[in-house]
Structure formats: C-alpha cells, structure tokens
C-alpha cells in the first residue's frame, strides 16, 4: 500500500504575507495553492481561486500589489 511520503513533494513553494501579488501569481501558475508562512509557521494560504476573486472584485488597494479581500 502506498504511503503519503512516497507521493509528497519534499519542498513546496511558500510565500510570506509581504510577498508581492505578482510573485504569487507566477508561483500559482505551477501549483493550485501556496502556503503563506510567517515566522516559520503557517499563517494562511493563497489559491488560484483567491487570485480570480481578487481580479473580479478589483480589490488591489496598495501600490505594492497587496490586497485585502
């Protein structure tokens, strides 16, 4: 029987809360979701759906590319 460790990726891309949205978009081109880490702990997650929702709502509110949903 297969175990998770046989299929999992040892390294998965992560971003910080301060990562520019444009950088997250490039990472999400290859994976469906990216964990957001802060102080070496999981802080949240950003998904392709999050990006689509942000684009639809046009909630980009800061010049640095960060946004609030």
C-alpha atoms as a PDB file:
ATOM      1  CA  UNK A   1       0.000   0.000   0.000  1.00  0.00           C
ATOM      2  CA  UNK A   2       1.347   3.444  -0.924  1.00  0.00           C
ATOM      3  CA  UNK A   3       2.135   5.916   1.800  1.00  0.00           C
ATOM      4  CA  UNK A   4       1.887   9.688   1.645  1.00  0.00           C
ATOM      5  CA  UNK A   5       5.660  10.095   1.883  1.00  0.00           C
ATOM      6  CA  UNK A   6       6.033   8.177  -1.385  1.00  0.00           C
ATOM      7  CA  UNK A   7       3.948  10.743  -3.272  1.00  0.00           C
ATOM      8  CA  UNK A   8       4.546  14.002  -1.423  1.00  0.00           C
ATOM      9  CA  UNK A   9       6.853  16.755  -2.527  1.00  0.00           C
ATOM     10  CA  UNK A  10       9.696  17.317  -0.086  1.00  0.00           C
ATOM     11  CA  UNK A  11       9.777  21.020  -0.882  1.00  0.00           C
ATOM     12  CA  UNK A  12       6.749  23.129  -1.662  1.00  0.00           C
ATOM     13  CA  UNK A  13       6.846  26.810  -2.561  1.00  0.00           C
ATOM     14  CA  UNK A  14       5.789  29.188   0.189  1.00  0.00           C
ATOM     15  CA  UNK A  15       5.369  32.946   0.360  1.00  0.00           C
ATOM     16  CA  UNK A  16       5.322  35.469   3.182  1.00  0.00           C
ATOM     17  CA  UNK A  17       2.465  37.886   3.898  1.00  0.00           C
ATOM     18  CA  UNK A  18       4.631  40.615   2.345  1.00  0.00           C
ATOM     19  CA  UNK A  19       5.214  38.808  -0.964  1.00  0.00           C
ATOM     20  CA  UNK A  20       4.052  40.828  -3.951  1.00  0.00           C
ATOM     21  CA  UNK A  21       0.903  39.546  -5.612  1.00  0.00           C
ATOM     22  CA  UNK A  22       2.708  39.340  -8.958  1.00  0.00           C
ATOM     23  CA  UNK A  23       5.224  36.870  -7.474  1.00  0.00           C
ATOM     24  CA  UNK A  24       2.409  34.731  -6.077  1.00  0.00           C
ATOM     25  CA  UNK A  25       0.745  34.702  -9.498  1.00  0.00           C
ATOM     26  CA  UNK A  26       3.892  33.259 -11.062  1.00  0.00           C
ATOM     27  CA  UNK A  27       4.173  30.554  -8.405  1.00  0.00           C
ATOM     28  CA  UNK A  28       0.483  29.678  -8.748  1.00  0.00           C
ATOM     29  CA  UNK A  29       0.985  29.050 -12.455  1.00  0.00           C
ATOM     30  CA  UNK A  30       2.582  25.739 -11.440  1.00  0.00           C
ATOM     31  CA  UNK A  31       0.645  24.758  -8.295  1.00  0.00           C
ATOM     32  CA  UNK A  32      -3.001  25.163  -7.192  1.00  0.00           C
ATOM     33  CA  UNK A  33      -2.187  26.739  -3.816  1.00  0.00           C
ATOM     34  CA  UNK A  34       0.700  28.281  -1.914  1.00  0.00           C
ATOM     35  CA  UNK A  35       1.064  28.290   1.873  1.00  0.00           C
ATOM     36  CA  UNK A  36       1.739  31.674   3.454  1.00  0.00           C
ATOM     37  CA  UNK A  37       4.356  31.377   6.196  1.00  0.00           C
ATOM     38  CA  UNK A  38       5.150  33.937   8.871  1.00  0.00           C
ATOM     39  CA  UNK A  39       7.860  33.413  11.485  1.00  0.00           C
ATOM     40  CA  UNK A  40       8.341  29.796  10.312  1.00  0.00           C
ATOM     41  CA  UNK A  41       4.695  28.909  10.942  1.00  0.00           C
ATOM     42  CA  UNK A  42       1.787  28.529   8.553  1.00  0.00           C
ATOM     43  CA  UNK A  43      -0.085  31.815   8.518  1.00  0.00           C
ATOM     44  CA  UNK A  44      -2.545  31.197   5.698  1.00  0.00           C
ATOM     45  CA  UNK A  45      -2.890  30.052   2.113  1.00  0.00           C
ATOM     46  CA  UNK A  46      -3.351  31.708  -1.245  1.00  0.00           C
ATOM     47  CA  UNK A  47      -5.041  29.844  -4.097  1.00  0.00           C
ATOM     48  CA  UNK A  48      -5.784  30.390  -7.746  1.00  0.00           C
ATOM     49  CA  UNK A  49      -9.370  30.977  -6.649  1.00  0.00           C
ATOM     50  CA  UNK A  50      -8.182  33.787  -4.356  1.00  0.00           C
ATOM     51  CA  UNK A  51      -6.481  35.476  -7.317  1.00  0.00           C
ATOM     52  CA  UNK A  52      -9.563  35.108  -9.502  1.00  0.00           C
ATOM     53  CA  UNK A  53     -11.745  36.542  -6.749  1.00  0.00           C
ATOM     54  CA  UNK A  54      -9.376  39.484  -6.278  1.00  0.00           C
ATOM     55  CA  UNK A  55      -9.350  40.182 -10.004  1.00  0.00           C
ATOM     56  CA  UNK A  56     -13.128  40.025 -10.137  1.00  0.00           C
ATOM     57  CA  UNK A  57     -13.565  42.313  -7.142  1.00  0.00           C
ATOM     58  CA  UNK A  58     -10.665  44.567  -8.175  1.00  0.00           C
ATOM     59  CA  UNK A  59      -9.630  44.943  -4.576  1.00  0.00           C
ATOM     60  CA  UNK A  60      -5.981  45.830  -5.225  1.00  0.00           C
ATOM     61  CA  UNK A  61      -5.605  48.648  -2.779  1.00  0.00           C
ATOM     62  CA  UNK A  62      -1.892  49.279  -2.341  1.00  0.00           C
ATOM     63  CA  UNK A  63       0.833  50.300  -4.807  1.00  0.00           C
ATOM     64  CA  UNK A  64       2.976  47.341  -3.669  1.00  0.00           C
ATOM     65  CA  UNK A  65       0.432  44.876  -5.101  1.00  0.00           C
ATOM     66  CA  UNK A  66      -1.002  43.691  -1.805  1.00  0.00           C
ATOM     67  CA  UNK A  67      -4.757  43.491  -1.433  1.00  0.00           C
ATOM     68  CA  UNK A  68      -7.497  42.841   1.056  1.00  0.00           C
ATOM     69  CA  UNK A  69     -10.500  40.653   0.311  1.00  0.00           C
END
